[in-house]
Amino acid sequence: MLPIKIELPEHFLDEEVRCGYTVTEKMKKVWAVELDLLNEFQKVCRQYDIKYFAIAGTLLGAVRHQGFIPWDDDVDIGMFREDYDKLVSVAPDAFSEPYDFMVSGKIEHFFRGHAQLRNRLTTGILPSELEQKYSFNQGLWIDIFPLDGVPKENEQEHFTYFKLSVMKKCLRNRVRITHKTLKSKILHTSLLCWEKITGDSFQRTHDRYEKEYRKLSEKYNDFASFIEFINPPLDKYIWRKSDFDNSSEMPFEFISLPVPNGYDRILHTQYGDYMKPAQANSLHGEMIMDPEKPYTEYLR
């Protein structure tokens, strides 16, 4: 039995073919857990008047499929930094078992650059983290990204901004290194030497770059992104803030999500001809997903 509160429509969990792609019963159960997480998230946002949007693959799914992209396995939500900070402040009291609101840098070994809402009675373990046996909640999740101001024209500011975001990403990735490649060994060794030379702890170094990153982001008022998390080409992930001024509800499976009114330009920027389906692999790789068993069962 799925560990969820939301009521599922009859036959929702049945295997089906969408856009020529078979969505299995197991993936439907994963979707059900994520929709339940999304439902709990939306309740809290409504209670505290927090503004949020579907972004990335979830935005594309809402517009093109009225639900999940058939081969997608997660949910992406974005909100401007002010709303993100508000959510972080209320989350400890707003969410309860089995839901854990997790913030990057606030939980040991959890450095994502964004927040996640997870169900601890399920399993969603990344391949790079399986052998580490981290103690944080590794249940299925939805991603919640802060949208920060970014430079668009000034090259020097552009370089400074991305230098900070890259440094934060390197620091965050230190806890995910598995030593399987020479590259990861070099990065790991470099960071350890850095800590010894500077006398700065990993947490303090991360927090320092976080502070500089946010201070710089506050300077920019026209464009925004969840830039710290993504990879090149960067321009695909930089959007006009004005496209998020207003939103409207769109169906997403059997619930609905707020979609920014400028979704057409946002999706064209990120995907080009976004109404033409193009199957892609999951960014998460061969992740262990189990919607019916807690992650602790896989860490023994």
Protein backbone atom coordinates (compact mmCIF):
# COMPACT_ATOMS: atom_id res chain seq x y z
CA MET A 1 0.00 0.00 0.00
CA LEU A 2 1.35 3.40 -0.96
CA PRO A 3 2.25 5.68 2.00
CA ILE A 4 0.24 8.65 0.74
CA LYS A 5 -2.71 10.77 1.87
CA ILE A 6 -4.01 11.98 -1.47
CA GLU A 7 -6.95 10.10 -3.01
CA LEU A 8 -6.12 8.59 -6.38
CA PRO A 9 -8.65 8.40 -9.23
CA GLU A 10 -9.78 4.94 -10.21
CA HIS A 11 -7.32 3.22 -12.57
CA PHE A 12 -4.66 5.92 -12.13
CA LEU A 13 -2.08 3.27 -11.28
CA ASP A 14 -2.83 1.16 -14.35
CA GLU A 15 -0.02 0.78 -16.88
CA GLU A 16 -0.65 2.79 -20.04
CA VAL A 17 0.99 4.04 -23.22
CA ARG A 18 1.47 7.79 -23.61
CA CYS A 19 3.08 9.28 -26.74
CA GLY A 20 4.22 5.80 -27.69
CA TYR A 21 5.98 5.35 -24.34
CA THR A 22 4.88 2.73 -21.81
CA VAL A 23 4.34 4.16 -18.34
CA THR A 24 4.57 1.16 -16.04
CA GLU A 25 2.51 0.52 -12.94
CA LYS A 26 5.64 1.11 -10.82
CA MET A 27 6.24 4.52 -12.42
CA LYS A 28 2.58 5.38 -11.87
CA LYS A 29 3.13 4.62 -8.17
CA VAL A 30 6.20 6.88 -8.16
CA TRP A 31 4.08 9.60 -9.75
CA ALA A 32 1.39 9.05 -7.11
CA VAL A 33 3.92 9.59 -4.31
CA GLU A 34 5.19 12.75 -6.00
CA LEU A 35 1.67 14.09 -6.54
CA ASP A 36 0.99 13.46 -2.86
CA LEU A 37 4.14 15.42 -1.96
CA LEU A 38 3.04 18.16 -4.32
CA ASN A 39 -0.41 18.24 -2.73
CA GLU A 40 1.09 18.64 0.75
CA PHE A 41 3.43 21.33 -0.54
CA GLN A 42 0.55 23.25 -2.12
CA LYS A 43 -1.44 23.15 1.13
CA VAL A 44 1.42 24.82 2.98
CA CYS A 45 1.94 27.43 0.26
CA ARG A 46 -1.75 28.33 0.31
CA GLN A 47 -1.74 28.54 4.10
CA TYR A 48 1.21 30.95 4.19
CA ASP A 49 0.48 32.83 0.96
CA ILE A 50 3.66 31.65 -0.76
CA LYS A 51 3.88 32.11 -4.53
CA TYR A 52 5.32 29.29 -6.64
CA PHE A 53 5.35 27.98 -10.21
CA ALA A 54 5.80 24.83 -12.23
CA ILE A 55 9.17 25.07 -13.98
CA ALA A 56 11.45 22.99 -16.22
CA GLY A 57 10.08 19.54 -17.09
CA THR A 58 7.04 19.98 -14.87
CA LEU A 59 6.08 23.18 -16.68
CA LEU A 60 6.58 21.45 -20.02
CA GLY A 61 4.50 18.51 -18.82
CA ALA A 62 1.66 20.74 -17.68
CA VAL A 63 1.53 22.64 -20.97
CA ARG A 64 2.09 19.74 -23.39
CA HIS A 65 0.70 16.70 -21.53
CA GLN A 66 -1.53 18.14 -18.79
CA GLY A 67 0.58 16.04 -16.44
CA PHE A 68 3.93 14.29 -16.29
CA ILE A 69 6.08 13.99 -19.38
CA PRO A 70 5.64 10.22 -19.92
CA TRP A 71 9.35 9.46 -19.42
CA ASP A 72 9.88 11.93 -16.56
CA ASP A 73 10.35 10.84 -12.96
CA ASP A 74 10.27 14.00 -10.84
CA VAL A 75 8.58 17.33 -10.10
CA ASP A 76 10.27 20.74 -10.41
CA ILE A 77 8.90 23.79 -8.60
CA GLY A 78 10.36 27.30 -8.64
CA MET A 79 9.81 30.36 -6.48
CA PHE A 80 11.52 33.68 -6.12
CA ARG A 81 14.01 33.96 -3.28
CA GLU A 82 11.69 35.95 -0.99
CA ASP A 83 9.03 33.21 -1.12
CA TYR A 84 11.68 30.49 -0.89
CA ASP A 85 13.07 32.01 2.32
CA LYS A 86 9.57 32.27 3.74
CA LEU A 87 8.92 28.60 2.98
CA VAL A 88 12.20 27.61 4.62
CA SER A 89 11.22 29.52 7.77
CA VAL A 90 7.76 27.95 8.15
CA ALA A 91 8.58 24.44 6.92
CA PRO A 92 9.78 22.92 10.24
CA ASP A 93 6.33 23.44 11.75
CA ALA A 94 4.31 23.08 8.56
CA PHE A 95 5.34 19.58 7.46
CA SER A 96 5.06 16.43 9.53
CA GLU A 97 5.68 12.68 9.12
CA PRO A 98 6.24 11.13 6.70
CA TYR A 99 7.10 14.39 4.92
CA ASP A 100 10.52 15.98 5.45
CA PHE A 101 11.36 19.43 4.11
CA MET A 102 15.09 19.40 3.47
CA VAL A 103 17.22 22.50 2.87
CA SER A 104 20.65 22.43 1.29
CA GLY A 105 23.44 23.06 3.78
CA LYS A 106 21.21 22.62 6.83
CA ILE A 107 21.38 18.81 7.01
CA GLU A 108 24.57 16.79 7.26
CA HIS A 109 25.79 15.69 3.80
CA PHE A 110 22.77 17.25 2.10
CA PHE A 111 24.08 19.90 -0.31
CA ARG A 112 21.77 20.27 -3.29
CA GLY A 113 21.68 24.03 -3.83
CA HIS A 114 17.89 23.87 -3.40
CA ALA A 115 15.24 22.35 -1.16
CA GLN A 116 13.39 19.06 -1.44
CA LEU A 117 10.23 17.68 0.10
CA ARG A 118 10.64 13.91 0.66
CA ASN A 119 8.52 11.02 1.82
CA ARG A 120 10.62 8.98 4.25
CA LEU A 121 8.51 5.84 3.78
CA THR A 122 9.70 5.52 0.17
CA THR A 123 13.05 5.22 -1.63
CA GLY A 124 14.75 7.57 -4.08
CA ILE A 125 18.51 6.99 -3.85
CA LEU A 126 20.89 8.44 -6.44
CA PRO A 127 23.57 6.03 -7.73
CA SER A 128 26.33 8.40 -6.59
CA GLU A 129 24.98 8.33 -3.03
CA LEU A 130 24.13 4.67 -2.57
CA GLU A 131 27.55 3.52 -1.41
CA GLN A 132 27.92 6.51 0.92
CA LYS A 133 24.98 5.36 3.09
CA TYR A 134 24.09 8.89 4.14
CA SER A 135 21.77 9.25 7.10
CA PHE A 136 19.50 11.95 5.64
CA ASN A 137 16.04 11.11 4.30
CA GLN A 138 16.47 9.49 0.88
CA GLY A 139 12.82 8.95 0.05
CA LEU A 140 11.18 10.03 -3.19
CA TRP A 141 11.04 13.79 -3.55
CA ILE A 142 9.94 16.93 -5.34
CA ASP A 143 12.53 19.65 -6.08
CA ILE A 144 11.96 23.23 -4.97
CA PHE A 145 14.30 25.78 -6.56
CA PRO A 146 14.95 29.38 -5.53
CA LEU A 147 14.89 31.68 -8.55
CA ASP A 148 17.60 34.33 -8.18
CA GLY A 149 18.45 37.41 -10.16
CA VAL A 150 21.20 36.89 -12.75
CA PRO A 151 23.30 39.21 -14.96
CA LYS A 152 22.53 39.12 -18.65
CA GLU A 153 24.71 41.74 -20.36
CA ASN A 154 27.73 42.84 -18.29
CA GLU A 155 30.50 40.30 -19.01
CA GLN A 156 32.53 40.99 -15.86
CA GLU A 157 29.49 40.63 -13.61
CA HIS A 158 28.45 37.58 -15.60
CA PHE A 159 31.84 35.96 -14.94
CA THR A 160 31.82 36.82 -11.22
CA TYR A 161 28.34 35.45 -10.75
CA PHE A 162 29.04 32.15 -12.43
CA LYS A 163 32.36 31.78 -10.66
CA LEU A 164 30.49 31.90 -7.36
CA SER A 165 27.86 29.45 -8.56
CA VAL A 166 30.53 27.02 -9.82
CA MET A 167 32.42 27.19 -6.53
CA LYS A 168 29.23 26.41 -4.62
CA LYS A 169 28.53 23.51 -6.95
CA CYS A 170 32.03 22.08 -6.42
CA LEU A 171 31.66 22.38 -2.66
CA ARG A 172 28.28 20.71 -2.73
CA ASN A 173 29.56 17.87 -4.89
CA ARG A 174 32.33 17.02 -2.45
CA VAL A 175 29.91 15.00 -0.35
CA ARG A 176 28.83 13.00 -3.42
CA ILE A 177 32.29 11.96 -4.65
CA THR A 178 32.75 8.20 -4.92
CA HIS A 179 36.48 8.11 -5.87
CA LYS A 180 35.67 6.03 -8.97
CA THR A 181 37.24 8.53 -11.38
CA LEU A 182 40.52 10.42 -11.43
CA LYS A 183 38.63 13.66 -11.84
CA SER A 184 36.60 13.13 -8.67
CA LYS A 185 39.75 12.12 -6.74
CA ILE A 186 41.51 15.32 -7.77
CA LEU A 187 38.50 17.46 -6.78
CA HIS A 188 38.18 15.68 -3.47
CA THR A 189 41.90 16.04 -2.66
CA SER A 190 41.91 19.71 -3.70
CA LEU A 191 39.03 20.53 -1.39
CA LEU A 192 40.61 18.70 1.52
CA CYS A 193 43.90 20.59 0.98
CA TRP A 194 41.97 23.85 0.74
CA GLU A 195 40.39 23.26 4.11
CA LYS A 196 43.76 22.48 5.69
CA ILE A 197 45.44 25.56 4.18
CA THR A 198 42.65 28.02 4.94
CA GLY A 199 41.58 26.49 8.24
CA ASP A 200 38.02 26.92 7.01
CA SER A 201 35.54 24.10 7.55
CA PHE A 202 33.50 22.76 4.67
CA GLN A 203 30.30 24.17 6.18
CA ARG A 204 31.76 27.65 6.75
CA THR A 205 33.21 27.73 3.25
CA HIS A 206 29.87 26.71 1.77
CA ASP A 207 28.06 29.36 3.83
CA ARG A 208 30.52 32.06 2.79
CA TYR A 209 29.96 31.41 -0.90
CA GLU A 210 26.23 31.22 -0.29
CA LYS A 211 26.32 34.70 1.25
CA GLU A 212 28.37 36.18 -1.59
CA TYR A 213 26.18 34.50 -4.20
CA ARG A 214 22.98 35.86 -2.71
CA LYS A 215 24.37 39.36 -2.25
CA LEU A 216 25.33 39.51 -5.91
CA SER A 217 21.99 38.04 -7.07
CA GLU A 218 20.07 40.85 -5.37
CA LYS A 219 21.61 43.34 -7.81
CA TYR A 220 19.74 42.00 -10.84
CA ASN A 221 16.09 42.81 -11.44
CA ASP A 222 15.28 41.79 -15.00
CA PHE A 223 16.34 38.16 -15.38
CA ALA A 224 16.25 35.14 -13.08
CA SER A 225 17.16 31.48 -12.95
CA PHE A 226 17.91 28.51 -10.70
CA ILE A 227 21.34 28.84 -12.26
CA GLU A 228 23.43 27.28 -9.48
CA PHE A 229 22.01 23.84 -10.20
CA ILE A 230 22.15 23.65 -13.98
CA ASN A 231 24.84 23.04 -16.59
CA PRO A 232 25.66 24.84 -19.86
CA PRO A 233 24.30 26.11 -22.16
CA LEU A 234 23.39 28.66 -19.53
CA ASP A 235 21.20 30.91 -21.67
CA LYS A 236 18.55 28.17 -21.81
CA TYR A 237 17.97 28.65 -18.10
CA ILE A 238 17.83 32.45 -17.89
CA TRP A 239 14.31 33.87 -18.04
CA ARG A 240 12.67 37.28 -17.88
CA LYS A 241 11.28 37.96 -14.44
CA SER A 242 8.30 39.68 -16.03
CA ASP A 243 7.20 36.32 -17.46
CA PHE A 244 6.52 35.24 -13.85
CA ASP A 245 4.51 38.33 -12.86
CA ASN A 246 1.24 36.44 -13.10
CA SER A 247 0.17 32.82 -13.23
CA SER A 248 -2.84 30.68 -14.03
CA GLU A 249 -3.82 27.15 -13.04
CA MET A 250 -3.29 24.30 -15.48
CA PRO A 251 -4.25 20.64 -15.05
CA PHE A 252 -1.45 18.35 -13.96
CA GLU A 253 -2.69 14.76 -13.88
CA PHE A 254 -5.67 14.90 -11.49
CA ILE A 255 -4.60 18.09 -9.66
CA SER A 256 -3.56 21.53 -10.96
CA LEU A 257 -0.46 23.71 -10.83
CA PRO A 258 0.22 27.43 -11.21
CA VAL A 259 1.92 28.09 -14.53
CA PRO A 260 3.62 31.45 -15.27
CA ASN A 261 1.72 33.43 -17.87
CA GLY A 262 4.93 33.85 -19.85
CA TYR A 263 5.30 30.08 -20.19
CA ASP A 264 5.56 30.20 -23.99
CA ARG A 265 8.73 32.32 -23.98
CA ILE A 266 10.12 30.38 -20.99
CA LEU A 267 9.65 27.03 -22.69
CA HIS A 268 10.93 28.27 -26.07
CA THR A 269 14.05 29.54 -24.31
CA GLN A 270 14.69 26.23 -22.60
CA TYR A 271 13.47 23.69 -25.16
CA GLY A 272 13.00 25.38 -28.53
CA ASP A 273 10.05 23.72 -30.32
CA TYR A 274 8.67 22.45 -27.03
CA MET A 275 5.38 21.07 -28.37
CA LYS A 276 7.24 18.37 -30.30
CA PRO A 277 7.88 15.45 -27.90
CA ALA A 278 11.47 14.23 -27.80
CA GLN A 279 12.14 11.36 -25.43
CA ALA A 280 15.13 11.92 -23.15
CA ASN A 281 16.84 10.00 -20.40
CA SER A 282 16.32 10.95 -16.77
CA LEU A 283 18.93 13.31 -15.35
CA HIS A 284 19.04 11.07 -12.29
CA GLY A 285 20.51 8.04 -14.04
CA GLU A 286 19.79 4.57 -12.70
CA MET A 287 18.24 5.80 -9.48
CA ILE A 288 16.80 3.33 -7.01
CA MET A 289 13.10 4.15 -6.83
CA ASP A 290 10.72 2.26 -4.59
CA PRO A 291 7.37 3.89 -3.81
CA GLU A 292 6.38 1.19 -1.33
CA LYS A 293 9.52 0.57 0.73
CA PRO A 294 11.47 2.98 2.99
CA TYR A 295 14.99 3.95 1.90
CA THR A 296 16.43 2.50 5.11
CA GLU A 297 15.81 -0.98 3.68
CA TYR A 298 18.40 -0.27 0.98
CA LEU A 299 21.07 1.12 3.31
CA ARG A 300 21.61 -1.99 5.40
